[in-house]
Amino acid sequence: MVRTIEQQVAEAQAKLARLKTRAKAQDTRRKIIVGAIVTGEALKDPKIAKWLASTLRKNATREVDQKELAGLLADLDAKAKIAGAGEA
């Protein structure tokens, strides 16, 4: 069966949409993995905790994001105080 040019274009657009969805899912998975690793290390190392808390405060500018991060920031601040106490 011969497909019209319009059908071929529609199929190509559908395939492109599927590939974009797959790429976005892969990017999201990478971000989750990196975030989990960095957060885990920050909760173990006071210097990383201090850096991550500062970075999150600087870059998480939306109120909804700040609320979501409040508990983590409290944990990071507590860990970072260990670094401050060790430097004194």
N, C-alpha and C. Protein backbone atom coordinates (compact mmCIF):
# COMPACT_ATOMS: atom_id res chain seq x y z
N MET A 1 0.84 -1.18 0.00
CA MET A 1 0.00 0.00 0.00
C MET A 1 0.88 1.25 0.00
N VAL A 2 0.58 2.15 -0.85
CA VAL A 2 1.35 3.37 -0.99
C VAL A 2 0.84 4.40 0.02
N ARG A 3 1.79 4.98 0.75
CA ARG A 3 1.43 6.00 1.73
C ARG A 3 1.63 7.37 1.11
N THR A 4 0.74 8.27 1.46
CA THR A 4 0.88 9.63 0.94
C THR A 4 2.02 10.33 1.67
N ILE A 5 2.43 11.42 1.11
CA ILE A 5 3.48 12.22 1.74
C ILE A 5 3.01 12.67 3.12
N GLU A 6 1.75 13.07 3.23
CA GLU A 6 1.21 13.51 4.52
C GLU A 6 1.28 12.39 5.56
N GLN A 7 0.98 11.16 5.13
CA GLN A 7 1.05 10.02 6.05
C GLN A 7 2.49 9.77 6.50
N GLN A 8 3.41 9.87 5.55
CA GLN A 8 4.82 9.67 5.88
C GLN A 8 5.30 10.75 6.85
N VAL A 9 4.89 11.98 6.62
CA VAL A 9 5.27 13.08 7.52
C VAL A 9 4.68 12.83 8.91
N ALA A 10 3.43 12.42 8.98
CA ALA A 10 2.78 12.16 10.27
C ALA A 10 3.50 11.03 11.01
N GLU A 11 3.89 9.98 10.30
CA GLU A 11 4.61 8.87 10.93
C GLU A 11 5.98 9.34 11.44
N ALA A 12 6.66 10.16 10.65
CA ALA A 12 7.97 10.67 11.06
C ALA A 12 7.82 11.57 12.29
N GLN A 13 6.78 12.39 12.31
CA GLN A 13 6.55 13.26 13.46
C GLN A 13 6.23 12.44 14.71
N ALA A 14 5.46 11.38 14.54
CA ALA A 14 5.13 10.52 15.68
C ALA A 14 6.38 9.84 16.21
N LYS A 15 7.24 9.38 15.30
CA LYS A 15 8.48 8.73 15.72
C LYS A 15 9.38 9.74 16.45
N LEU A 16 9.47 10.95 15.93
CA LEU A 16 10.26 11.99 16.57
C LEU A 16 9.73 12.29 17.98
N ALA A 17 8.42 12.35 18.12
CA ALA A 17 7.82 12.60 19.43
C ALA A 17 8.17 11.48 20.41
N ARG A 18 8.13 10.23 19.94
CA ARG A 18 8.50 9.10 20.80
C ARG A 18 9.96 9.18 21.21
N LEU A 19 10.84 9.53 20.28
CA LEU A 19 12.26 9.65 20.59
C LEU A 19 12.52 10.79 21.58
N LYS A 20 11.83 11.90 21.42
CA LYS A 20 11.99 13.02 22.36
C LYS A 20 11.52 12.63 23.75
N THR A 21 10.43 11.87 23.82
CA THR A 21 9.93 11.40 25.12
C THR A 21 10.94 10.48 25.77
N ARG A 22 11.53 9.58 24.99
CA ARG A 22 12.54 8.67 25.53
C ARG A 22 13.77 9.42 26.00
N ALA A 23 14.22 10.42 25.24
CA ALA A 23 15.39 11.21 25.63
C ALA A 23 15.12 11.98 26.92
N LYS A 24 13.92 12.52 27.06
CA LYS A 24 13.57 13.26 28.28
C LYS A 24 13.56 12.31 29.47
N ALA A 25 13.04 11.11 29.29
CA ALA A 25 13.02 10.13 30.39
C ALA A 25 14.45 9.75 30.80
N GLN A 26 15.34 9.57 29.83
CA GLN A 26 16.73 9.25 30.14
C GLN A 26 17.39 10.40 30.90
N ASP A 27 17.12 11.63 30.48
CA ASP A 27 17.69 12.79 31.16
C ASP A 27 17.18 12.88 32.59
N THR A 28 15.90 12.62 32.78
CA THR A 28 15.32 12.65 34.12
C THR A 28 15.96 11.59 35.01
N ARG A 29 16.14 10.38 34.48
CA ARG A 29 16.79 9.31 35.27
C ARG A 29 18.20 9.71 35.66
N ARG A 30 18.95 10.30 34.73
CA ARG A 30 20.32 10.74 35.05
C ARG A 30 20.31 11.78 36.16
N LYS A 31 19.39 12.72 36.09
CA LYS A 31 19.30 13.76 37.12
C LYS A 31 18.97 13.16 38.48
N ILE A 32 18.08 12.19 38.50
CA ILE A 32 17.72 11.54 39.76
C ILE A 32 18.94 10.82 40.34
N ILE A 33 19.66 10.10 39.51
CA ILE A 33 20.84 9.36 39.97
C ILE A 33 21.90 10.32 40.50
N VAL A 34 22.21 11.36 39.74
CA VAL A 34 23.22 12.33 40.17
C VAL A 34 22.77 13.02 41.45
N GLY A 35 21.51 13.42 41.51
CA GLY A 35 20.99 14.07 42.71
C GLY A 35 21.09 13.19 43.94
N ALA A 36 20.78 11.91 43.78
CA ALA A 36 20.86 10.98 44.91
C ALA A 36 22.31 10.81 45.38
N ILE A 37 23.23 10.71 44.43
CA ILE A 37 24.64 10.54 44.79
C ILE A 37 25.17 11.79 45.49
N VAL A 38 24.91 12.96 44.92
CA VAL A 38 25.41 14.21 45.50
C VAL A 38 24.80 14.44 46.88
N THR A 39 23.49 14.22 47.01
CA THR A 39 22.83 14.39 48.30
C THR A 39 23.41 13.43 49.33
N GLY A 40 23.60 12.19 48.94
CA GLY A 40 24.17 11.21 49.86
C GLY A 40 25.55 11.60 50.35
N GLU A 41 26.38 12.06 49.44
CA GLU A 41 27.73 12.48 49.82
C GLU A 41 27.69 13.73 50.69
N ALA A 42 26.78 14.65 50.38
CA ALA A 42 26.67 15.88 51.17
C ALA A 42 26.24 15.58 52.60
N LEU A 43 25.41 14.58 52.78
CA LEU A 43 24.97 14.23 54.13
C LEU A 43 26.05 13.49 54.92
N LYS A 44 27.13 13.11 54.24
CA LYS A 44 28.26 12.46 54.91
C LYS A 44 29.42 13.42 55.14
N ASP A 45 29.58 14.40 54.26
CA ASP A 45 30.75 15.28 54.27
C ASP A 45 30.33 16.73 54.53
N PRO A 46 30.74 17.31 55.64
CA PRO A 46 30.32 18.68 55.98
C PRO A 46 30.67 19.72 54.92
N LYS A 47 31.81 19.59 54.26
CA LYS A 47 32.19 20.57 53.25
C LYS A 47 31.27 20.50 52.04
N ILE A 48 30.94 19.28 51.63
CA ILE A 48 30.00 19.12 50.51
C ILE A 48 28.62 19.60 50.93
N ALA A 49 28.24 19.35 52.18
CA ALA A 49 26.94 19.81 52.69
C ALA A 49 26.84 21.32 52.60
N LYS A 50 27.89 22.00 53.01
CA LYS A 50 27.91 23.46 52.97
C LYS A 50 27.78 23.96 51.54
N TRP A 51 28.53 23.35 50.63
CA TRP A 51 28.47 23.74 49.22
C TRP A 51 27.09 23.49 48.63
N LEU A 52 26.53 22.32 48.89
CA LEU A 52 25.23 21.98 48.31
C LEU A 52 24.13 22.89 48.86
N ALA A 53 24.15 23.15 50.16
CA ALA A 53 23.14 24.04 50.74
C ALA A 53 23.22 25.43 50.10
N SER A 54 24.42 25.93 49.95
CA SER A 54 24.62 27.24 49.33
C SER A 54 24.14 27.24 47.88
N THR A 55 24.49 26.21 47.16
CA THR A 55 24.10 26.09 45.75
C THR A 55 22.59 26.00 45.59
N LEU A 56 21.96 25.21 46.45
CA LEU A 56 20.50 25.08 46.37
C LEU A 56 19.81 26.40 46.70
N ARG A 57 20.29 27.08 47.71
CA ARG A 57 19.68 28.37 48.08
C ARG A 57 19.83 29.40 46.94
N LYS A 58 20.96 29.35 46.28
CA LYS A 58 21.23 30.30 45.19
C LYS A 58 20.37 30.01 43.96
N ASN A 59 20.14 28.74 43.67
CA ASN A 59 19.50 28.37 42.41
C ASN A 59 18.03 27.98 42.51
N ALA A 60 17.58 27.59 43.66
CA ALA A 60 16.16 27.23 43.82
C ALA A 60 15.40 28.50 44.18
N THR A 61 14.97 29.22 43.17
CA THR A 61 14.36 30.53 43.40
C THR A 61 12.84 30.49 43.49
N ARG A 62 12.22 29.44 42.98
CA ARG A 62 10.76 29.35 43.06
C ARG A 62 10.35 28.95 44.48
N GLU A 63 9.31 29.58 44.97
CA GLU A 63 8.85 29.32 46.33
C GLU A 63 8.49 27.85 46.54
N VAL A 64 7.86 27.25 45.54
CA VAL A 64 7.47 25.84 45.66
C VAL A 64 8.70 24.94 45.80
N ASP A 65 9.78 25.27 45.09
CA ASP A 65 11.02 24.50 45.19
C ASP A 65 11.67 24.71 46.55
N GLN A 66 11.66 25.93 47.03
CA GLN A 66 12.24 26.22 48.34
C GLN A 66 11.52 25.46 49.44
N LYS A 67 10.19 25.39 49.35
CA LYS A 67 9.43 24.63 50.35
C LYS A 67 9.77 23.15 50.28
N GLU A 68 9.91 22.63 49.07
CA GLU A 68 10.23 21.21 48.89
C GLU A 68 11.61 20.88 49.46
N LEU A 69 12.53 21.82 49.39
CA LEU A 69 13.91 21.60 49.83
C LEU A 69 14.15 21.95 51.30
N ALA A 70 13.16 22.48 51.99
CA ALA A 70 13.36 22.97 53.36
C ALA A 70 13.94 21.91 54.29
N GLY A 71 13.40 20.71 54.26
CA GLY A 71 13.90 19.65 55.14
C GLY A 71 15.33 19.25 54.81
N LEU A 72 15.62 19.12 53.52
CA LEU A 72 16.98 18.78 53.10
C LEU A 72 17.95 19.88 53.50
N LEU A 73 17.56 21.13 53.31
CA LEU A 73 18.45 22.24 53.68
C LEU A 73 18.73 22.24 55.17
N ALA A 74 17.74 21.91 55.98
CA ALA A 74 17.96 21.83 57.43
C ALA A 74 18.98 20.73 57.74
N ASP A 75 18.85 19.58 57.08
CA ASP A 75 19.81 18.49 57.29
C ASP A 75 21.21 18.89 56.83
N LEU A 76 21.29 19.57 55.69
CA LEU A 76 22.59 20.00 55.18
C LEU A 76 23.22 21.05 56.09
N ASP A 77 22.40 21.97 56.59
CA ASP A 77 22.92 22.99 57.51
C ASP A 77 23.47 22.35 58.78
N ALA A 78 22.76 21.35 59.28
CA ALA A 78 23.22 20.65 60.49
C ALA A 78 24.56 19.97 60.22
N LYS A 79 24.68 19.35 59.06
CA LYS A 79 25.94 18.68 58.70
C LYS A 79 27.04 19.71 58.48
N ALA A 80 26.72 20.83 57.84
CA ALA A 80 27.72 21.87 57.56
C ALA A 80 28.26 22.50 58.84
N LYS A 81 27.45 22.55 59.89
CA LYS A 81 27.92 23.11 61.16
C LYS A 81 29.08 22.31 61.72
N ILE A 82 29.12 21.03 61.41
CA ILE A 82 30.24 20.19 61.83
C ILE A 82 31.53 20.72 61.19
N ALA A 83 31.45 21.12 59.93
CA ALA A 83 32.63 21.67 59.24
C ALA A 83 33.04 22.98 59.89
N GLY A 84 32.06 23.82 60.22
CA GLY A 84 32.36 25.10 60.86
C GLY A 84 32.98 24.92 62.23
N ALA A 85 32.50 23.94 62.98
CA ALA A 85 33.04 23.67 64.32
C ALA A 85 34.46 23.11 64.22
N GLY A 86 34.72 22.34 63.18
CA GLY A 86 36.04 21.76 63.01
C GLY A 86 37.08 22.78 62.59
N GLU A 87 36.64 23.87 61.96
CA GLU A 87 37.57 24.89 61.47
C GLU A 87 37.93 25.89 62.55
N ALA A 88 37.13 25.97 63.59
CA ALA A 88 37.35 26.98 64.64
C ALA A 88 38.55 26.67 65.48
